[in-house]
Amino acid sequence: MVEERYTIVYAAAPAEPVVLGRTPQARTSGFHAEAQWRFGRPEPPAVRVAADGTRLVLGRHDFGTSARAHR
């Protein structure tokens, strides 16, 4: 286990959360870590996805109604 500590100083809290991420040098190791600091603000509400697209049927398999993924 490796523990690293960082001190980040701002004159005022930023409008967006600060995101710290870590990916190992060997990209084949298969992990990525990410943490957000919101400066006391609550987490935004989760976006509910509605399955309102066309049905996905492949051969004899019906996977049901699709949902649009927004980027």
C-alpha atoms as a PDB file:
ATOM      1  CA  MET A   1       0.000   0.000   0.000  1.00  0.00           C
ATOM      2  CA  VAL A   2       1.225   3.465  -0.881  1.00  0.00           C
ATOM      3  CA  GLU A   3      -0.171   6.582   0.750  1.00  0.00           C
ATOM      4  CA  GLU A   4       0.442  10.003  -0.745  1.00  0.00           C
ATOM      5  CA  ARG A   5      -0.691  13.331   0.704  1.00  0.00           C
ATOM      6  CA  TYR A   6      -1.192  16.528  -1.248  1.00  0.00           C
ATOM      7  CA  THR A   7      -1.910  20.068  -0.110  1.00  0.00           C
ATOM      8  CA  ILE A   8      -3.861  22.180  -2.585  1.00  0.00           C
ATOM      9  CA  VAL A   9      -4.339  25.874  -1.785  1.00  0.00           C
ATOM     10  CA  TYR A  10      -6.968  28.099  -3.427  1.00  0.00           C
ATOM     11  CA  ALA A  11      -7.857  31.723  -2.654  1.00  0.00           C
ATOM     12  CA  ALA A  12     -11.525  30.650  -2.879  1.00  0.00           C
ATOM     13  CA  ALA A  13     -13.242  27.320  -3.425  1.00  0.00           C
ATOM     14  CA  PRO A  14     -13.383  26.515  -7.164  1.00  0.00           C
ATOM     15  CA  ALA A  15     -16.776  26.338  -8.886  1.00  0.00           C
ATOM     16  CA  GLU A  16     -16.164  22.706  -9.908  1.00  0.00           C
ATOM     17  CA  PRO A  17     -14.847  19.789  -7.812  1.00  0.00           C
ATOM     18  CA  VAL A  18     -11.133  19.074  -7.883  1.00  0.00           C
ATOM     19  CA  VAL A  19     -10.469  15.641  -9.384  1.00  0.00           C
ATOM     20  CA  LEU A  20      -7.323  13.737  -8.473  1.00  0.00           C
ATOM     21  CA  GLY A  21      -6.551  10.685 -10.572  1.00  0.00           C
ATOM     22  CA  ARG A  22      -3.849   8.055 -10.562  1.00  0.00           C
ATOM     23  CA  THR A  23      -2.944   5.596 -13.276  1.00  0.00           C
ATOM     24  CA  PRO A  24       0.125   3.371 -12.859  1.00  0.00           C
ATOM     25  CA  GLN A  25       3.095   3.773 -15.178  1.00  0.00           C
ATOM     26  CA  ALA A  26       2.501   0.278 -16.524  1.00  0.00           C
ATOM     27  CA  ARG A  27      -0.883   0.741 -18.201  1.00  0.00           C
ATOM     28  CA  THR A  28      -1.243  -3.042 -18.432  1.00  0.00           C
ATOM     29  CA  SER A  29      -1.708  -3.291 -14.658  1.00  0.00           C
ATOM     30  CA  GLY A  30      -5.438  -2.687 -15.156  1.00  0.00           C
ATOM     31  CA  PHE A  31      -6.516  -0.072 -12.629  1.00  0.00           C
ATOM     32  CA  HIS A  32      -7.206   3.641 -12.373  1.00  0.00           C
ATOM     33  CA  ALA A  33      -8.104   5.539  -9.214  1.00  0.00           C
ATOM     34  CA  GLU A  34      -9.967   8.825  -9.042  1.00  0.00           C
ATOM     35  CA  ALA A  35     -11.208  10.960  -6.150  1.00  0.00           C
ATOM     36  CA  GLN A  36     -13.207  14.202  -6.152  1.00  0.00           C
ATOM     37  CA  TRP A  37     -13.119  16.929  -3.515  1.00  0.00           C
ATOM     38  CA  ARG A  38     -16.295  19.057  -3.524  1.00  0.00           C
ATOM     39  CA  PHE A  39     -15.270  21.621  -0.884  1.00  0.00           C
ATOM     40  CA  GLY A  40     -18.279  20.842   1.308  1.00  0.00           C
ATOM     41  CA  ARG A  41     -20.831  21.004  -1.495  1.00  0.00           C
ATOM     42  CA  PRO A  42     -23.296  18.103  -1.749  1.00  0.00           C
ATOM     43  CA  GLU A  43     -22.933  15.525  -4.487  1.00  0.00           C
ATOM     44  CA  PRO A  44     -25.100  16.359  -7.512  1.00  0.00           C
ATOM     45  CA  PRO A  45     -28.242  14.239  -7.915  1.00  0.00           C
ATOM     46  CA  ALA A  46     -27.859  11.126 -10.042  1.00  0.00           C
ATOM     47  CA  VAL A  47     -29.151  11.368 -13.579  1.00  0.00           C
ATOM     48  CA  ARG A  48     -31.877   8.835 -14.212  1.00  0.00           C
ATOM     49  CA  VAL A  49     -31.685   7.146 -17.577  1.00  0.00           C
ATOM     50  CA  ALA A  50     -34.967   6.298 -19.286  1.00  0.00           C
ATOM     51  CA  ALA A  51     -35.098   3.331 -21.630  1.00  0.00           C
ATOM     52  CA  ASP A  52     -36.989   5.091 -24.397  1.00  0.00           C
ATOM     53  CA  GLY A  53     -35.139   3.904 -27.512  1.00  0.00           C
ATOM     54  CA  THR A  54     -35.841   1.081 -29.893  1.00  0.00           C
ATOM     55  CA  ARG A  55     -35.868  -2.554 -28.804  1.00  0.00           C
ATOM     56  CA  LEU A  56     -32.611  -4.436 -29.312  1.00  0.00           C
ATOM     57  CA  VAL A  57     -33.202  -7.896 -30.757  1.00  0.00           C
ATOM     58  CA  LEU A  58     -30.269 -10.035 -31.869  1.00  0.00           C
ATOM     59  CA  GLY A  59     -31.277 -13.377 -33.306  1.00  0.00           C
ATOM     60  CA  ARG A  60     -33.511 -15.087 -30.748  1.00  0.00           C
ATOM     61  CA  HIS A  61     -32.403 -12.757 -27.932  1.00  0.00           C
ATOM     62  CA  ASP A  62     -34.561  -9.762 -27.027  1.00  0.00           C
ATOM     63  CA  PHE A  63     -32.559  -7.360 -24.838  1.00  0.00           C
ATOM     64  CA  GLY A  64     -35.493  -4.992 -24.400  1.00  0.00           C
ATOM     65  CA  THR A  65     -35.748  -1.260 -24.876  1.00  0.00           C
ATOM     66  CA  SER A  66     -32.479   0.609 -25.367  1.00  0.00           C
ATOM     67  CA  ALA A  67     -31.405   3.754 -23.529  1.00  0.00           C
ATOM     68  CA  ARG A  68     -29.560   6.685 -25.058  1.00  0.00           C
ATOM     69  CA  ALA A  69     -26.119   7.404 -23.626  1.00  0.00           C
ATOM     70  CA  HIS A  70     -25.284  11.117 -23.532  1.00  0.00           C
ATOM     71  CA  ARG A  71     -21.671  12.196 -23.567  1.00  0.00           C
END
